C-alpha atoms as a PDB file:
ATOM      1  CA  UNK A   1     -17.950  62.326 -86.065  1.00  0.00           C
ATOM      2  CA  UNK A   2     -15.356  64.459 -84.288  1.00  0.00           C
ATOM      3  CA  UNK A   3     -12.483  66.495 -85.671  1.00  0.00           C
ATOM      4  CA  UNK A   4     -10.184  64.691 -88.053  1.00  0.00           C
ATOM      5  CA  UNK A   5      -6.737  63.927 -86.610  1.00  0.00           C
ATOM      6  CA  UNK A   6      -3.666  65.318 -88.312  1.00  0.00           C
ATOM      7  CA  UNK A   7      -2.073  62.515 -90.280  1.00  0.00           C
ATOM      8  CA  UNK A   8       0.676  62.693 -92.887  1.00  0.00           C
ATOM      9  CA  UNK A   9      -0.774  62.733 -96.377  1.00  0.00           C
ATOM     10  CA  UNK A  10       0.613  60.961 -99.397  1.00  0.00           C
ATOM     11  CA  UNK A  11       3.653  62.844-100.623  1.00  0.00           C
ATOM     12  CA  UNK A  12       4.551  64.224 -97.184  1.00  0.00           C
ATOM     13  CA  UNK A  13       7.094  61.481 -96.654  1.00  0.00           C
ATOM     14  CA  UNK A  14       9.873  63.698 -97.981  1.00  0.00           C
ATOM     15  CA  UNK A  15       8.598  67.029 -96.647  1.00  0.00           C
ATOM     16  CA  UNK A  16      10.466  68.719 -93.842  1.00  0.00           C
ATOM     17  CA  UNK A  17       8.332  69.395 -90.723  1.00  0.00           C
ATOM     18  CA  UNK A  18       7.700  73.016 -89.779  1.00  0.00           C
ATOM     19  CA  UNK A  19       9.472  72.474 -86.452  1.00  0.00           C
ATOM     20  CA  UNK A  20      12.690  71.899 -88.394  1.00  0.00           C
ATOM     21  CA  UNK A  21      12.254  75.048 -90.519  1.00  0.00           C
ATOM     22  CA  UNK A  22      11.314  77.722 -88.004  1.00  0.00           C
ATOM     23  CA  UNK A  23      12.940  79.420 -85.023  1.00  0.00           C
ATOM     24  CA  UNK A  24      11.692  77.494 -82.006  1.00  0.00           C
ATOM     25  CA  UNK A  25      12.334  80.570 -79.830  1.00  0.00           C
ATOM     26  CA  UNK A  26       9.730  82.640 -81.696  1.00  0.00           C
ATOM     27  CA  UNK A  27       7.078  84.008 -79.282  1.00  0.00           C
ATOM     28  CA  UNK A  28       4.201  82.165 -80.988  1.00  0.00           C
ATOM     29  CA  UNK A  29       6.094  78.875 -80.845  1.00  0.00           C
ATOM     30  CA  UNK A  30       6.731  79.403 -77.145  1.00  0.00           C
ATOM     31  CA  UNK A  31       3.098  80.386 -76.529  1.00  0.00           C
ATOM     32  CA  UNK A  32       1.915  77.256 -78.365  1.00  0.00           C
ATOM     33  CA  UNK A  33       4.012  75.208 -75.952  1.00  0.00           C
ATOM     34  CA  UNK A  34       2.400  76.854 -72.923  1.00  0.00           C
ATOM     35  CA  UNK A  35      -1.212  76.249 -73.954  1.00  0.00           C
ATOM     36  CA  UNK A  36      -2.825  72.967 -72.938  1.00  0.00           C
ATOM     37  CA  UNK A  37      -4.243  72.212 -76.393  1.00  0.00           C
ATOM     38  CA  UNK A  38      -5.554  68.774 -75.437  1.00  0.00           C
ATOM     39  CA  UNK A  39      -7.690  70.266 -72.644  1.00  0.00           C
ATOM     40  CA  UNK A  40      -8.941  72.932 -75.035  1.00  0.00           C
ATOM     41  CA  UNK A  41      -9.791  70.354 -77.694  1.00  0.00           C
ATOM     42  CA  UNK A  42     -11.510  68.161 -75.118  1.00  0.00           C
ATOM     43  CA  UNK A  43     -13.590  71.097 -73.852  1.00  0.00           C
ATOM     44  CA  UNK A  44     -14.579  72.186 -77.354  1.00  0.00           C
ATOM     45  CA  UNK A  45     -14.981  68.762 -78.965  1.00  0.00           C
ATOM     46  CA  UNK A  46     -18.752  68.735 -78.378  1.00  0.00           C
ATOM     47  CA  UNK A  47     -19.081  71.972 -80.348  1.00  0.00           C
ATOM     48  CA  UNK A  48     -16.953  70.679 -83.200  1.00  0.00           C
ATOM     49  CA  UNK A  49     -18.869  67.616 -84.319  1.00  0.00           C
ATOM     50  CA  UNK A  50     -20.146  66.820 -87.764  1.00  0.00           C
ATOM     51  CA  UNK A  51     -23.114  64.553 -88.150  1.00  0.00           C
ATOM     52  CA  UNK A  52     -23.165  64.811 -91.924  1.00  0.00           C
ATOM     53  CA  UNK A  53     -21.048  66.243 -94.704  1.00  0.00           C
ATOM     54  CA  UNK A  54     -17.357  66.873 -94.410  1.00  0.00           C
ATOM     55  CA  UNK A  55     -15.408  66.251 -91.183  1.00  0.00           C
ATOM     56  CA  UNK A  56     -15.445  68.908 -88.478  1.00  0.00           C
ATOM     57  CA  UNK A  57     -12.663  71.474 -88.277  1.00  0.00           C
ATOM     58  CA  UNK A  58     -10.088  70.914 -85.539  1.00  0.00           C
ATOM     59  CA  UNK A  59     -10.802  73.035 -82.440  1.00  0.00           C
ATOM     60  CA  UNK A  60      -7.136  74.041 -82.167  1.00  0.00           C
ATOM     61  CA  UNK A  61      -7.212  75.517 -85.646  1.00  0.00           C
ATOM     62  CA  UNK A  62     -10.294  77.636 -84.978  1.00  0.00           C
ATOM     63  CA  UNK A  63      -9.150  78.666 -81.478  1.00  0.00           C
ATOM     64  CA  UNK A  64      -5.705  79.552 -82.845  1.00  0.00           C
ATOM     65  CA  UNK A  65      -7.124  81.571 -85.728  1.00  0.00           C
ATOM     66  CA  UNK A  66      -9.455  83.447 -83.390  1.00  0.00           C
ATOM     67  CA  UNK A  67      -6.538  84.210 -81.047  1.00  0.00           C
ATOM     68  CA  UNK A  68      -4.391  85.476 -83.951  1.00  0.00           C
ATOM     69  CA  UNK A  69      -7.298  87.526 -85.279  1.00  0.00           C
ATOM     70  CA  UNK A  70      -7.782  89.199 -81.902  1.00  0.00           C
ATOM     71  CA  UNK A  71      -4.063  89.640 -81.159  1.00  0.00           C
ATOM     72  CA  UNK A  72      -3.326  91.330 -84.485  1.00  0.00           C
ATOM     73  CA  UNK A  73      -6.669  93.084 -85.008  1.00  0.00           C
ATOM     74  CA  UNK A  74      -7.428  91.357 -88.306  1.00  0.00           C
ATOM     75  CA  UNK A  75     -10.573  90.662 -90.287  1.00  0.00           C
ATOM     76  CA  UNK A  76     -11.711  87.092 -90.947  1.00  0.00           C
ATOM     77  CA  UNK A  77     -10.260  87.210 -94.465  1.00  0.00           C
ATOM     78  CA  UNK A  78      -6.957  88.732 -93.344  1.00  0.00           C
ATOM     79  CA  UNK A  79      -6.313  86.162 -90.612  1.00  0.00           C
ATOM     80  CA  UNK A  80      -6.998  83.255 -93.001  1.00  0.00           C
ATOM     81  CA  UNK A  81      -4.688  84.638 -95.700  1.00  0.00           C
ATOM     82  CA  UNK A  82      -2.095  85.635 -93.090  1.00  0.00           C
ATOM     83  CA  UNK A  83      -2.150  82.015 -91.916  1.00  0.00           C
ATOM     84  CA  UNK A  84      -1.293  80.853 -95.439  1.00  0.00           C
ATOM     85  CA  UNK A  85       1.681  83.228 -95.576  1.00  0.00           C
ATOM     86  CA  UNK A  86       3.065  82.722 -92.057  1.00  0.00           C
ATOM     87  CA  UNK A  87       4.600  79.385 -91.001  1.00  0.00           C
ATOM     88  CA  UNK A  88       4.632  80.502 -87.348  1.00  0.00           C
ATOM     89  CA  UNK A  89       0.869  80.930 -87.440  1.00  0.00           C
ATOM     90  CA  UNK A  90       0.534  77.487 -89.004  1.00  0.00           C
ATOM     91  CA  UNK A  91       2.713  75.927 -86.320  1.00  0.00           C
ATOM     92  CA  UNK A  92       0.724  77.742 -83.615  1.00  0.00           C
ATOM     93  CA  UNK A  93      -2.520  76.219 -84.911  1.00  0.00           C
ATOM     94  CA  UNK A  94      -1.084  72.704 -84.939  1.00  0.00           C
ATOM     95  CA  UNK A  95       0.088  72.144 -88.483  1.00  0.00           C
ATOM     96  CA  UNK A  96       3.008  69.798 -88.951  1.00  0.00           C
ATOM     97  CA  UNK A  97       3.917  70.726 -92.519  1.00  0.00           C
ATOM     98  CA  UNK A  98       3.795  74.007 -94.419  1.00  0.00           C
ATOM     99  CA  UNK A  99       0.386  74.505 -96.039  1.00  0.00           C
ATOM    100  CA  UNK A 100      -0.256  76.612 -99.131  1.00  0.00           C
ATOM    101  CA  UNK A 101      -4.052  76.591 -99.151  1.00  0.00           C
ATOM    102  CA  UNK A 102      -6.385  78.330 -96.689  1.00  0.00           C
ATOM    103  CA  UNK A 103      -7.368  76.013 -93.834  1.00  0.00           C
ATOM    104  CA  UNK A 104     -11.003  77.178 -93.728  1.00  0.00           C
ATOM    105  CA  UNK A 105     -13.301  79.577 -95.489  1.00  0.00           C
ATOM    106  CA  UNK A 106     -13.101  82.930 -93.740  1.00  0.00           C
ATOM    107  CA  UNK A 107     -16.849  82.849 -93.081  1.00  0.00           C
ATOM    108  CA  UNK A 108     -16.255  79.833 -90.770  1.00  0.00           C
ATOM    109  CA  UNK A 109     -14.772  82.187 -88.160  1.00  0.00           C
ATOM    110  CA  UNK A 110     -17.914  84.237 -87.782  1.00  0.00           C
ATOM    111  CA  UNK A 111     -20.358  81.314 -87.673  1.00  0.00           C
END
């Protein structure tokens, strides 16, 4: 079982997409547009499989979090909580709608 695709959840019908709420000229938004995310996901898809339990985490999310962690010199915990607070970080990692819960447990970044 590969990564789960991003699909609108129940109740998101009336939510406004992040792309309509943020400045599309922000450096992280522009950087997200320059990265070939599909090639990255294809290259990492073998490493992000789940044979049992919950679905695998999306490679873009983990790659994006690791980039943000390195770029801003943050700990695992700080990058996860920074992601919750920053819509630009969420957009960079492929989210469509604003999220209010952490995307992963911080220990997932060091495993």
